[in-house]
Every structure is written in C-alpha cells, then in structure tokens.
Amino acid sequence: MKYLFLLLVVLLVIWAIKRGKATGQAKPPSTPEATTPSEMVTCAHCGIHLPQEEAVSGQKGLYCSTEHRTAAQDRNPS
C-alpha cells in the first residue's frame, strides 16, 4: 500500500512539473501598448472637460458640441 501511495505522489509531481512548463512556454505575457494622454480642454459654454480631439472650435473658444457653439452665438472659424 505504501508503494502505491509513493507511486501516486511521484506521478503527481511529474504531472505538476510538466503542466508548469507547458503553461510557461505556451504564451508569453503581452504588454499593453502605451497610449499617450490627450490634452484636455474646457467647453466655453458649459465648462465640461473633454479631449481636444473631440472639441468643436469656434471663434470665441472650444466647445463640447455644435449645439453649445450655436448657443454661445459663436460661428465656425473660416
């Protein structure tokens, strides 16, 4: 009976070692690509902060939407 138990322990150790090697070599950890933060601007009408790429420009400043540019009675710069 003790030989059966010893055999079971040895097989379990071998299985654990093989499993550890298989998962370690299968897929290296991927590093997420670093994104550069965008500059934040404030809407001239409501004061909300938004990325500069999403801002709507007017002659009096930057706005969060065309509706706020219109509400501020600002025109699109030519």
Foldseek 3Di string as FASTA:
>chain_A
DVVVVVVVVVVVVVVVVVVVVCVPPVDDDDDDDDDDDADWDAAPQPGDIDGPVQWQAFPVGTHNDVVSCVVVVTDRDD
